[in-house]
Amino acid sequence: MASAGLYRRTLPPPSIEFASPEGKKIFTEALQNGTMNGFFKLISYYQTQSDPAFCGLATLSVVLNALAIDPGRKWKGTSILSFFLSYFFYFETDFNFIDSLIAN
């Protein structure tokens, strides 16, 4: 039997599951009220964190991508897809140097 972990853990109050009826109601109301403009820009660049400890790094990369801040990289890829992904977007792995700062 699997031990308790983070997978599918019930959200504590006042959190509301996005796909729940209440979450859908809140989303619909916000959309109708015109207060969802930032959501669509952010969700376009959403990425899950690769490790529970990296939530801040994943969030940082989503925000930098949504703000269209140039990563300032030179293209080293071999295909147009690698060019597109590696040149234009931030990923949480771009901030690996933070681990070494914390460890010291």
PDB file of N, CA and C in Angstrom:
ATOM      1  N   MET A   1       0.829  -1.166   0.000  1.00  0.00           N
ATOM      2  CA  MET A   1       0.000   0.000   0.000  1.00  0.00           C
ATOM      3  C   MET A   1       0.885   1.246   0.000  1.00  0.00           C
ATOM      4  N   ALA A   2       0.500   2.237  -0.799  1.00  0.00           N
ATOM      5  CA  ALA A   2       1.283   3.466  -0.910  1.00  0.00           C
ATOM      6  C   ALA A   2       1.135   4.311   0.353  1.00  0.00           C
ATOM      7  N   SER A   3       2.215   4.962   0.712  1.00  0.00           N
ATOM      8  CA  SER A   3       2.156   5.839   1.879  1.00  0.00           C
ATOM      9  C   SER A   3       1.514   7.171   1.494  1.00  0.00           C
ATOM     10  N   ALA A   4       0.998   7.878   2.484  1.00  0.00           N
ATOM     11  CA  ALA A   4       0.371   9.177   2.234  1.00  0.00           C
ATOM     12  C   ALA A   4       1.410  10.135   1.678  1.00  0.00           C
ATOM     13  N   GLY A   5       1.011  10.897   0.702  1.00  0.00           N
ATOM     14  CA  GLY A   5       1.911  11.859   0.083  1.00  0.00           C
ATOM     15  C   GLY A   5       1.137  13.079  -0.374  1.00  0.00           C
ATOM     16  N   LEU A   6       1.671  13.742  -1.360  1.00  0.00           N
ATOM     17  CA  LEU A   6       1.039  14.951  -1.875  1.00  0.00           C
ATOM     18  C   LEU A   6       0.015  14.660  -2.970  1.00  0.00           C
ATOM     19  N   TYR A   7       0.106  13.494  -3.600  1.00  0.00           N
ATOM     20  CA  TYR A   7      -0.753  13.193  -4.742  1.00  0.00           C
ATOM     21  C   TYR A   7      -2.225  13.181  -4.348  1.00  0.00           C
ATOM     22  N   ARG A   8      -3.006  13.979  -5.030  1.00  0.00           N
ATOM     23  CA  ARG A   8      -4.462  14.046  -4.873  1.00  0.00           C
ATOM     24  C   ARG A   8      -4.905  14.354  -3.442  1.00  0.00           C
ATOM     25  N   ARG A   9      -4.073  15.052  -2.727  1.00  0.00           N
ATOM     26  CA  ARG A   9      -4.417  15.439  -1.364  1.00  0.00           C
ATOM     27  C   ARG A   9      -5.601  16.407  -1.412  1.00  0.00           C
ATOM     28  N   THR A  10      -6.510  16.297  -0.465  1.00  0.00           N
ATOM     29  CA  THR A  10      -7.651  17.200  -0.386  1.00  0.00           C
ATOM     30  C   THR A  10      -7.151  18.596  -0.035  1.00  0.00           C
ATOM     31  N   LEU A  11      -7.646  19.587  -0.746  1.00  0.00           N
ATOM     32  CA  LEU A  11      -7.223  20.958  -0.486  1.00  0.00           C
ATOM     33  C   LEU A  11      -7.803  21.453   0.836  1.00  0.00           C
ATOM     34  N   PRO A  12      -6.985  22.121   1.631  1.00  0.00           N
ATOM     35  CA  PRO A  12      -7.497  22.657   2.900  1.00  0.00           C
ATOM     36  C   PRO A  12      -8.301  23.936   2.649  1.00  0.00           C
ATOM     37  N   PRO A  13      -9.286  24.212   3.493  1.00  0.00           N
ATOM     38  CA  PRO A  13     -10.036  25.460   3.362  1.00  0.00           C
ATOM     39  C   PRO A  13      -9.085  26.647   3.559  1.00  0.00           C
ATOM     40  N   PRO A  14      -9.262  27.724   2.900  1.00  0.00           N
ATOM     41  CA  PRO A  14     -10.358  28.112   2.019  1.00  0.00           C
ATOM     42  C   PRO A  14     -10.104  27.783   0.549  1.00  0.00           C
ATOM     43  N   SER A  15      -9.168  26.883   0.257  1.00  0.00           N
ATOM     44  CA  SER A  15      -8.868  26.515  -1.126  1.00  0.00           C
ATOM     45  C   SER A  15     -10.083  25.863  -1.791  1.00  0.00           C
ATOM     46  N   ILE A  16     -10.229  26.119  -3.091  1.00  0.00           N
ATOM     47  CA  ILE A  16     -11.330  25.554  -3.868  1.00  0.00           C
ATOM     48  C   ILE A  16     -10.734  24.908  -5.105  1.00  0.00           C
ATOM     49  N   GLU A  17     -11.073  23.666  -5.340  1.00  0.00           N
ATOM     50  CA  GLU A  17     -10.570  22.969  -6.523  1.00  0.00           C
ATOM     51  C   GLU A  17     -11.084  23.671  -7.778  1.00  0.00           C
ATOM     52  N   PHE A  18     -10.181  23.940  -8.702  1.00  0.00           N
ATOM     53  CA  PHE A  18     -10.505  24.682  -9.922  1.00  0.00           C
ATOM     54  C   PHE A  18     -11.637  24.027 -10.715  1.00  0.00           C
ATOM     55  N   ALA A  19     -11.620  22.700 -10.845  1.00  0.00           N
ATOM     56  CA  ALA A  19     -12.598  21.988 -11.665  1.00  0.00           C
ATOM     57  C   ALA A  19     -13.876  21.618 -10.914  1.00  0.00           C
ATOM     58  N   SER A  20     -13.976  21.999  -9.648  1.00  0.00           N
ATOM     59  CA  SER A  20     -15.190  21.693  -8.874  1.00  0.00           C
ATOM     60  C   SER A  20     -16.322  22.609  -9.332  1.00  0.00           C
ATOM     61  N   PRO A  21     -17.578  22.254  -9.011  1.00  0.00           N
ATOM     62  CA  PRO A  21     -18.695  23.136  -9.378  1.00  0.00           C
ATOM     63  C   PRO A  21     -18.512  24.563  -8.837  1.00  0.00           C
ATOM     64  N   GLU A  22     -18.040  24.675  -7.593  1.00  0.00           N
ATOM     65  CA  GLU A  22     -17.828  26.012  -7.024  1.00  0.00           C
ATOM     66  C   GLU A  22     -16.700  26.753  -7.747  1.00  0.00           C
ATOM     67  N   GLY A  23     -15.632  26.019  -8.097  1.00  0.00           N
ATOM     68  CA  GLY A  23     -14.530  26.618  -8.841  1.00  0.00           C
ATOM     69  C   GLY A  23     -14.971  27.105 -10.213  1.00  0.00           C
ATOM     70  N   LYS A  24     -15.780  26.308 -10.897  1.00  0.00           N
ATOM     71  CA  LYS A  24     -16.302  26.706 -12.214  1.00  0.00           C
ATOM     72  C   LYS A  24     -17.216  27.922 -12.097  1.00  0.00           C
ATOM     73  N   LYS A  25     -17.996  27.971 -11.020  1.00  0.00           N
ATOM     74  CA  LYS A  25     -18.908  29.106 -10.800  1.00  0.00           C
ATOM     75  C   LYS A  25     -18.099  30.389 -10.596  1.00  0.00           C
ATOM     76  N   ILE A  26     -17.069  30.321  -9.774  1.00  0.00           N
ATOM     77  CA  ILE A  26     -16.221  31.483  -9.510  1.00  0.00           C
ATOM     78  C   ILE A  26     -15.524  31.930 -10.796  1.00  0.00           C
ATOM     79  N   PHE A  27     -15.016  30.972 -11.565  1.00  0.00           N
ATOM     80  CA  PHE A  27     -14.345  31.287 -12.822  1.00  0.00           C
ATOM     81  C   PHE A  27     -15.305  31.979 -13.786  1.00  0.00           C
ATOM     82  N   THR A  28     -16.504  31.436 -13.927  1.00  0.00           N
ATOM     83  CA  THR A  28     -17.508  32.009 -14.833  1.00  0.00           C
ATOM     84  C   THR A  28     -17.872  33.428 -14.416  1.00  0.00           C
ATOM     85  N   GLU A  29     -18.083  33.637 -13.122  1.00  0.00           N
ATOM     86  CA  GLU A  29     -18.422  34.977 -12.628  1.00  0.00           C
ATOM     87  C   GLU A  29     -17.300  35.965 -12.908  1.00  0.00           C
ATOM     88  N   ALA A  30     -16.078  35.559 -12.670  1.00  0.00           N
ATOM     89  CA  ALA A  30     -14.933  36.441 -12.911  1.00  0.00           C
ATOM     90  C   ALA A  30     -14.802  36.754 -14.401  1.00  0.00           C
ATOM     91  N   LEU A  31     -15.036  35.755 -15.242  1.00  0.00           N
ATOM     92  CA  LEU A  31     -14.977  35.963 -16.690  1.00  0.00           C
ATOM     93  C   LEU A  31     -16.042  36.964 -17.126  1.00  0.00           C
ATOM     94  N   GLN A  32     -17.251  36.817 -16.614  1.00  0.00           N
ATOM     95  CA  GLN A  32     -18.350  37.719 -16.949  1.00  0.00           C
ATOM     96  C   GLN A  32     -18.108  39.132 -16.417  1.00  0.00           C
ATOM     97  N   ASN A  33     -17.416  39.241 -15.289  1.00  0.00           N
ATOM     98  CA  ASN A  33     -17.123  40.554 -14.705  1.00  0.00           C
ATOM     99  C   ASN A  33     -15.913  41.229 -15.341  1.00  0.00           C
ATOM    100  N   GLY A  34     -15.217  40.520 -16.237  1.00  0.00           N
ATOM    101  CA  GLY A  34     -14.060  41.100 -16.913  1.00  0.00           C
ATOM    102  C   GLY A  34     -12.800  41.152 -16.073  1.00  0.00           C
ATOM    103  N   THR A  35     -12.709  40.301 -15.065  1.00  0.00           N
ATOM    104  CA  THR A  35     -11.536  40.326 -14.181  1.00  0.00           C
ATOM    105  C   THR A  35     -10.584  39.149 -14.416  1.00  0.00           C
ATOM    106  N   MET A  36     -10.667  38.532 -15.583  1.00  0.00           N
ATOM    107  CA  MET A  36      -9.831  37.360 -15.864  1.00  0.00           C
ATOM    108  C   MET A  36      -8.734  37.643 -16.889  1.00  0.00           C
ATOM    109  N   ASN A  37      -8.469  38.891 -17.202  1.00  0.00           N
ATOM    110  CA  ASN A  37      -7.500  39.223 -18.239  1.00  0.00           C
ATOM    111  C   ASN A  37      -6.125  38.618 -17.968  1.00  0.00           C
ATOM    112  N   GLY A  38      -5.639  38.698 -16.747  1.00  0.00           N
ATOM    113  CA  GLY A  38      -4.331  38.145 -16.418  1.00  0.00           C
ATOM    114  C   GLY A  38      -4.275  36.637 -16.480  1.00  0.00           C
ATOM    115  N   PHE A  39      -5.396  35.969 -16.231  1.00  0.00           N
ATOM    116  CA  PHE A  39      -5.437  34.506 -16.218  1.00  0.00           C
ATOM    117  C   PHE A  39      -4.999  33.924 -17.548  1.00  0.00           C
ATOM    118  N   PHE A  40      -5.516  34.446 -18.636  1.00  0.00           N
ATOM    119  CA  PHE A  40      -5.237  33.853 -19.946  1.00  0.00           C
ATOM    120  C   PHE A  40      -3.788  34.025 -20.347  1.00  0.00           C
ATOM    121  N   LYS A  41      -3.175  35.137 -19.993  1.00  0.00           N
ATOM    122  CA  LYS A  41      -1.762  35.331 -20.286  1.00  0.00           C
ATOM    123  C   LYS A  41      -0.914  34.342 -19.475  1.00  0.00           C
ATOM    124  N   LEU A  42      -1.257  34.175 -18.203  1.00  0.00           N
ATOM    125  CA  LEU A  42      -0.486  33.268 -17.357  1.00  0.00           C
ATOM    126  C   LEU A  42      -0.690  31.804 -17.737  1.00  0.00           C
ATOM    127  N   ILE A  43      -1.921  31.399 -17.997  1.00  0.00           N
ATOM    128  CA  ILE A  43      -2.197  29.990 -18.288  1.00  0.00           C
ATOM    129  C   ILE A  43      -1.547  29.557 -19.603  1.00  0.00           C
ATOM    130  N   SER A  44      -1.302  30.499 -20.486  1.00  0.00           N
ATOM    131  CA  SER A  44      -0.628  30.186 -21.754  1.00  0.00           C
ATOM    132  C   SER A  44       0.779  29.653 -21.534  1.00  0.00           C
ATOM    133  N   TYR A  45       1.390  30.035 -20.425  1.00  0.00           N
ATOM    134  CA  TYR A  45       2.767  29.639 -20.134  1.00  0.00           C
ATOM    135  C   TYR A  45       2.873  28.716 -18.920  1.00  0.00           C
ATOM    136  N   TYR A  46       1.751  28.217 -18.459  1.00  0.00           N
ATOM    137  CA  TYR A  46       1.746  27.377 -17.262  1.00  0.00           C
ATOM    138  C   TYR A  46       2.649  26.161 -17.423  1.00  0.00           C
ATOM    139  N   GLN A  47       3.370  25.847 -16.377  1.00  0.00           N
ATOM    140  CA  GLN A  47       4.162  24.622 -16.335  1.00  0.00           C
ATOM    141  C   GLN A  47       4.137  24.084 -14.910  1.00  0.00           C
ATOM    142  N   THR A  48       4.093  22.785 -14.816  1.00  0.00           N
ATOM    143  CA  THR A  48       4.094  22.177 -13.493  1.00  0.00           C
ATOM    144  C   THR A  48       5.520  22.140 -12.969  1.00  0.00           C
ATOM    145  N   GLN A  49       5.650  22.122 -11.675  1.00  0.00           N
ATOM    146  CA  GLN A  49       6.975  22.050 -11.071  1.00  0.00           C
ATOM    147  C   GLN A  49       7.474  20.612 -11.129  1.00  0.00           C
ATOM    148  N   SER A  50       8.763  20.450 -11.327  1.00  0.00           N
ATOM    149  CA  SER A  50       9.324  19.108 -11.422  1.00  0.00           C
ATOM    150  C   SER A  50       9.583  18.501 -10.051  1.00  0.00           C
ATOM    151  N   ASP A  51       9.551  19.325  -9.020  1.00  0.00           N
ATOM    152  CA  ASP A  51       9.823  18.885  -7.658  1.00  0.00           C
ATOM    153  C   ASP A  51       9.015  19.780  -6.729  1.00  0.00           C
ATOM    154  N   PRO A  52       8.436  19.221  -5.649  1.00  0.00           N
ATOM    155  CA  PRO A  52       7.655  20.077  -4.742  1.00  0.00           C
ATOM    156  C   PRO A  52       8.414  21.303  -4.231  1.00  0.00           C
ATOM    157  N   ALA A  53       9.717  21.193  -4.124  1.00  0.00           N
ATOM    158  CA  ALA A  53      10.510  22.320  -3.626  1.00  0.00           C
ATOM    159  C   ALA A  53      10.695  23.418  -4.670  1.00  0.00           C
ATOM    160  N   PHE A  54      10.328  23.146  -5.930  1.00  0.00           N
ATOM    161  CA  PHE A  54      10.571  24.100  -7.005  1.00  0.00           C
ATOM    162  C   PHE A  54       9.362  24.954  -7.353  1.00  0.00           C
ATOM    163  N   CYS A  55       8.380  25.048  -6.473  1.00  0.00           N
ATOM    164  CA  CYS A  55       7.169  25.805  -6.807  1.00  0.00           C
ATOM    165  C   CYS A  55       7.494  27.258  -7.141  1.00  0.00           C
ATOM    166  N   GLY A  56       8.410  27.849  -6.412  1.00  0.00           N
ATOM    167  CA  GLY A  56       8.781  29.234  -6.685  1.00  0.00           C
ATOM    168  C   GLY A  56       9.469  29.396  -8.020  1.00  0.00           C
ATOM    169  N   LEU A  57      10.318  28.428  -8.393  1.00  0.00           N
ATOM    170  CA  LEU A  57      11.036  28.509  -9.665  1.00  0.00           C
ATOM    171  C   LEU A  57      10.090  28.326 -10.846  1.00  0.00           C
ATOM    172  N   ALA A  58       9.147  27.405 -10.725  1.00  0.00           N
ATOM    173  CA  ALA A  58       8.166  27.207 -11.785  1.00  0.00           C
ATOM    174  C   ALA A  58       7.295  28.454 -11.933  1.00  0.00           C
ATOM    175  N   THR A  59       6.888  29.038 -10.811  1.00  0.00           N
ATOM    176  CA  THR A  59       6.084  30.257 -10.838  1.00  0.00           C
ATOM    177  C   THR A  59       6.866  31.400 -11.470  1.00  0.00           C
ATOM    178  N   LEU A  60       8.124  31.533 -11.117  1.00  0.00           N
ATOM    179  CA  LEU A  60       8.968  32.575 -11.683  1.00  0.00           C
ATOM    180  C   LEU A  60       9.066  32.437 -13.196  1.00  0.00           C
ATOM    181  N   SER A  61       9.263  31.233 -13.694  1.00  0.00           N
ATOM    182  CA  SER A  61       9.376  31.045 -15.137  1.00  0.00           C
ATOM    183  C   SER A  61       8.052  31.337 -15.843  1.00  0.00           C
ATOM    184  N   VAL A  62       6.915  30.982 -15.234  1.00  0.00           N
ATOM    185  CA  VAL A  62       5.606  31.301 -15.823  1.00  0.00           C
ATOM    186  C   VAL A  62       5.438  32.814 -15.932  1.00  0.00           C
ATOM    187  N   VAL A  63       5.759  33.526 -14.857  1.00  0.00           N
ATOM    188  CA  VAL A  63       5.580  34.981 -14.845  1.00  0.00           C
ATOM    189  C   VAL A  63       6.514  35.664 -15.833  1.00  0.00           C
ATOM    190  N   LEU A  64       7.781  35.269 -15.866  1.00  0.00           N
ATOM    191  CA  LEU A  64       8.720  35.874 -16.817  1.00  0.00           C
ATOM    192  C   LEU A  64       8.280  35.627 -18.260  1.00  0.00           C
ATOM    193  N   ASN A  65       7.776  34.419 -18.538  1.00  0.00           N
ATOM    194  CA  ASN A  65       7.290  34.120 -19.882  1.00  0.00           C
ATOM    195  C   ASN A  65       6.055  34.953 -20.212  1.00  0.00           C
ATOM    196  N   ALA A  66       5.125  35.086 -19.264  1.00  0.00           N
ATOM    197  CA  ALA A  66       3.903  35.865 -19.497  1.00  0.00           C
ATOM    198  C   ALA A  66       4.214  37.340 -19.723  1.00  0.00           C
ATOM    199  N   LEU A  67       5.238  37.838 -19.058  1.00  0.00           N
ATOM    200  CA  LEU A  67       5.638  39.228 -19.238  1.00  0.00           C
ATOM    201  C   LEU A  67       6.469  39.440 -20.504  1.00  0.00           C
ATOM    202  N   ALA A  68       6.774  38.358 -21.201  1.00  0.00           N
ATOM    203  CA  ALA A  68       7.553  38.402 -22.454  1.00  0.00           C
ATOM    204  C   ALA A  68       8.931  39.024 -22.240  1.00  0.00           C
ATOM    205  N   ILE A  69       9.568  38.655 -21.127  1.00  0.00           N
ATOM    206  CA  ILE A  69      10.923  39.120 -20.851  1.00  0.00           C
ATOM    207  C   ILE A  69      11.897  38.195 -21.578  1.00  0.00           C
ATOM    208  N   ASP A  70      12.735  38.789 -22.402  1.00  0.00           N
ATOM    209  CA  ASP A  70      13.671  38.026 -23.229  1.00  0.00           C
ATOM    210  C   ASP A  70      14.688  37.302 -22.355  1.00  0.00           C
ATOM    211  N   PRO A  71      14.790  35.966 -22.515  1.00  0.00           N
ATOM    212  CA  PRO A  71      15.792  35.223 -21.725  1.00  0.00           C
ATOM    213  C   PRO A  71      17.225  35.581 -22.111  1.00  0.00           C
ATOM    214  N   GLY A  72      17.407  36.218 -23.249  1.00  0.00           N
ATOM    215  CA  GLY A  72      18.732  36.669 -23.660  1.00  0.00           C
ATOM    216  C   GLY A  72      19.695  35.548 -24.000  1.00  0.00           C
ATOM    217  N   ARG A  73      19.177  34.491 -24.599  1.00  0.00           N
ATOM    218  CA  ARG A  73      20.023  33.348 -24.954  1.00  0.00           C
ATOM    219  C   ARG A  73      20.342  33.341 -26.429  1.00  0.00           C
ATOM    220  N   LYS A  74      21.483  32.777 -26.755  1.00  0.00           N
ATOM    221  CA  LYS A  74      21.833  32.541 -28.155  1.00  0.00           C
ATOM    222  C   LYS A  74      21.356  31.152 -28.533  1.00  0.00           C
ATOM    223  N   TRP A  75      20.870  31.007 -29.734  1.00  0.00           N
ATOM    224  CA  TRP A  75      20.335  29.735 -30.199  1.00  0.00           C
ATOM    225  C   TRP A  75      21.455  28.747 -30.453  1.00  0.00           C
ATOM    226  N   LYS A  76      21.329  27.543 -29.827  1.00  0.00           N
ATOM    227  CA  LYS A  76      22.300  26.477 -30.010  1.00  0.00           C
ATOM    228  C   LYS A  76      21.620  25.211 -30.506  1.00  0.00           C
ATOM    229  N   GLY A  77      20.338  25.301 -30.821  1.00  0.00           N
ATOM    230  CA  GLY A  77      19.559  24.122 -31.176  1.00  0.00           C
ATOM    231  C   GLY A  77      19.849  23.587 -32.558  1.00  0.00           C
ATOM    232  N   THR A  78      19.319  22.406 -32.811  1.00  0.00           N
ATOM    233  CA  THR A  78      19.506  21.772 -34.106  1.00  0.00           C
ATOM    234  C   THR A  78      18.221  21.737 -34.913  1.00  0.00           C
ATOM    235  N   SER A  79      17.118  22.142 -34.315  1.00  0.00           N
ATOM    236  CA  SER A  79      15.848  22.150 -35.028  1.00  0.00           C
ATOM    237  C   SER A  79      15.082  23.407 -34.682  1.00  0.00           C
ATOM    238  N   ILE A  80      14.086  23.719 -35.474  1.00  0.00           N
ATOM    239  CA  ILE A  80      13.277  24.896 -35.213  1.00  0.00           C
ATOM    240  C   ILE A  80      12.537  24.754 -33.890  1.00  0.00           C
ATOM    241  N   LEU A  81      12.123  23.529 -33.520  1.00  0.00           N
ATOM    242  CA  LEU A  81      11.433  23.328 -32.252  1.00  0.00           C
ATOM    243  C   LEU A  81      12.353  23.608 -31.073  1.00  0.00           C
ATOM    244  N   SER A  82      13.581  23.095 -31.130  1.00  0.00           N
ATOM    245  CA  SER A  82      14.510  23.361 -30.026  1.00  0.00           C
ATOM    246  C   SER A  82      14.844  24.846 -29.967  1.00  0.00           C
ATOM    247  N   PHE A  83      14.922  25.489 -31.129  1.00  0.00           N
ATOM    248  CA  PHE A  83      15.145  26.930 -31.157  1.00  0.00           C
ATOM    249  C   PHE A  83      14.000  27.659 -30.461  1.00  0.00           C
ATOM    250  N   PHE A  84      12.794  27.306 -30.835  1.00  0.00           N
ATOM    251  CA  PHE A  84      11.605  27.963 -30.284  1.00  0.00           C
ATOM    252  C   PHE A  84      11.518  27.772 -28.785  1.00  0.00           C
ATOM    253  N   LEU A  85      11.705  26.550 -28.319  1.00  0.00           N
ATOM    254  CA  LEU A  85      11.575  26.263 -26.892  1.00  0.00           C
ATOM    255  C   LEU A  85      12.721  26.830 -26.067  1.00  0.00           C
ATOM    256  N   SER A  86      13.949  26.657 -26.546  1.00  0.00           N
ATOM    257  CA  SER A  86      15.083  27.050 -25.719  1.00  0.00           C
ATOM    258  C   SER A  86      15.391  28.540 -25.798  1.00  0.00           C
ATOM    259  N   TYR A  87      15.020  29.179 -26.874  1.00  0.00           N
ATOM    260  CA  TYR A  87      15.374  30.584 -27.024  1.00  0.00           C
ATOM    261  C   TYR A  87      14.329  31.510 -26.427  1.00  0.00           C
ATOM    262  N   PHE A  88      13.074  31.190 -26.590  1.00  0.00           N
ATOM    263  CA  PHE A  88      12.010  32.124 -26.245  1.00  0.00           C
ATOM    264  C   PHE A  88      11.399  31.938 -24.868  1.00  0.00           C
ATOM    265  N   PHE A  89      11.692  30.856 -24.181  1.00  0.00           N
ATOM    266  CA  PHE A  89      11.000  30.588 -22.934  1.00  0.00           C
ATOM    267  C   PHE A  89      11.953  30.310 -21.784  1.00  0.00           C
ATOM    268  N   TYR A  90      11.499  30.662 -20.597  1.00  0.00           N
ATOM    269  CA  TYR A  90      12.184  30.299 -19.361  1.00  0.00           C
ATOM    270  C   TYR A  90      11.628  28.963 -18.871  1.00  0.00           C
ATOM    271  N   PHE A  91      12.461  28.207 -18.192  1.00  0.00           N
ATOM    272  CA  PHE A  91      12.064  26.956 -17.544  1.00  0.00           C
ATOM    273  C   PHE A  91      12.628  26.994 -16.132  1.00  0.00           C
ATOM    274  N   GLU A  92      12.053  26.220 -15.237  1.00  0.00           N
ATOM    275  CA  GLU A  92      12.549  26.242 -13.852  1.00  0.00           C
ATOM    276  C   GLU A  92      14.012  25.835 -13.769  1.00  0.00           C
ATOM    277  N   THR A  93      14.490  25.047 -14.716  1.00  0.00           N
ATOM    278  CA  THR A  93      15.895  24.633 -14.710  1.00  0.00           C
ATOM    279  C   THR A  93      16.838  25.792 -15.028  1.00  0.00           C
ATOM    280  N   ASP A  94      16.303  26.896 -15.548  1.00  0.00           N
ATOM    281  CA  ASP A  94      17.138  28.074 -15.795  1.00  0.00           C
ATOM    282  C   ASP A  94      17.622  28.703 -14.500  1.00  0.00           C
ATOM    283  N   PHE A  95      17.010  28.330 -13.400  1.00  0.00           N
ATOM    284  CA  PHE A  95      17.325  28.943 -12.116  1.00  0.00           C
ATOM    285  C   PHE A  95      18.025  27.964 -11.180  1.00  0.00           C
ATOM    286  N   ASN A  96      18.727  26.981 -11.739  1.00  0.00           N
ATOM    287  CA  ASN A  96      19.426  25.981 -10.921  1.00  0.00           C
ATOM    288  C   ASN A  96      20.469  26.595 -10.008  1.00  0.00           C
ATOM    289  N   PHE A  97      20.989  27.752 -10.366  1.00  0.00           N
ATOM    290  CA  PHE A  97      22.004  28.390  -9.529  1.00  0.00           C
ATOM    291  C   PHE A  97      21.471  28.711  -8.136  1.00  0.00           C
ATOM    292  N   ILE A  98      20.167  28.817  -7.999  1.00  0.00           N
ATOM    293  CA  ILE A  98      19.573  29.132  -6.700  1.00  0.00           C
ATOM    294  C   ILE A  98      19.841  28.006  -5.700  1.00  0.00           C
ATOM    295  N   ASP A  99      19.825  26.748  -6.178  1.00  0.00           N
ATOM    296  CA  ASP A  99      20.131  25.613  -5.298  1.00  0.00           C
ATOM    297  C   ASP A  99      21.487  25.759  -4.647  1.00  0.00           C
ATOM    298  N   SER A 100      22.485  26.177  -5.425  1.00  0.00           N
ATOM    299  CA  SER A 100      23.832  26.311  -4.869  1.00  0.00           C
ATOM    300  C   SER A 100      23.904  27.459  -3.880  1.00  0.00           C
ATOM    301  N   LEU A 101      23.102  28.498  -4.090  1.00  0.00           N
ATOM    302  CA  LEU A 101      23.091  29.611  -3.131  1.00  0.00           C
ATOM    303  C   LEU A 101      22.487  29.175  -1.798  1.00  0.00           C
ATOM    304  N   ILE A 102      21.439  28.356  -1.866  1.00  0.00           N
ATOM    305  CA  ILE A 102      20.774  27.888  -0.650  1.00  0.00           C
ATOM    306  C   ILE A 102      21.662  26.913   0.111  1.00  0.00           C
ATOM    307  N   ALA A 103      22.383  26.061  -0.604  1.00  0.00           N
ATOM    308  CA  ALA A 103      23.212  25.030   0.023  1.00  0.00           C
ATOM    309  C   ALA A 103      24.382  25.630   0.796  1.00  0.00           C
ATOM    310  N   ASN A 104      24.799  26.811   0.393  1.00  0.00           N
ATOM    311  CA  ASN A 104      25.987  27.415   1.040  1.00  0.00           C
ATOM    312  C   ASN A 104      25.630  28.264   2.189  1.00  0.00           C
TER     313      ASN A 104
END
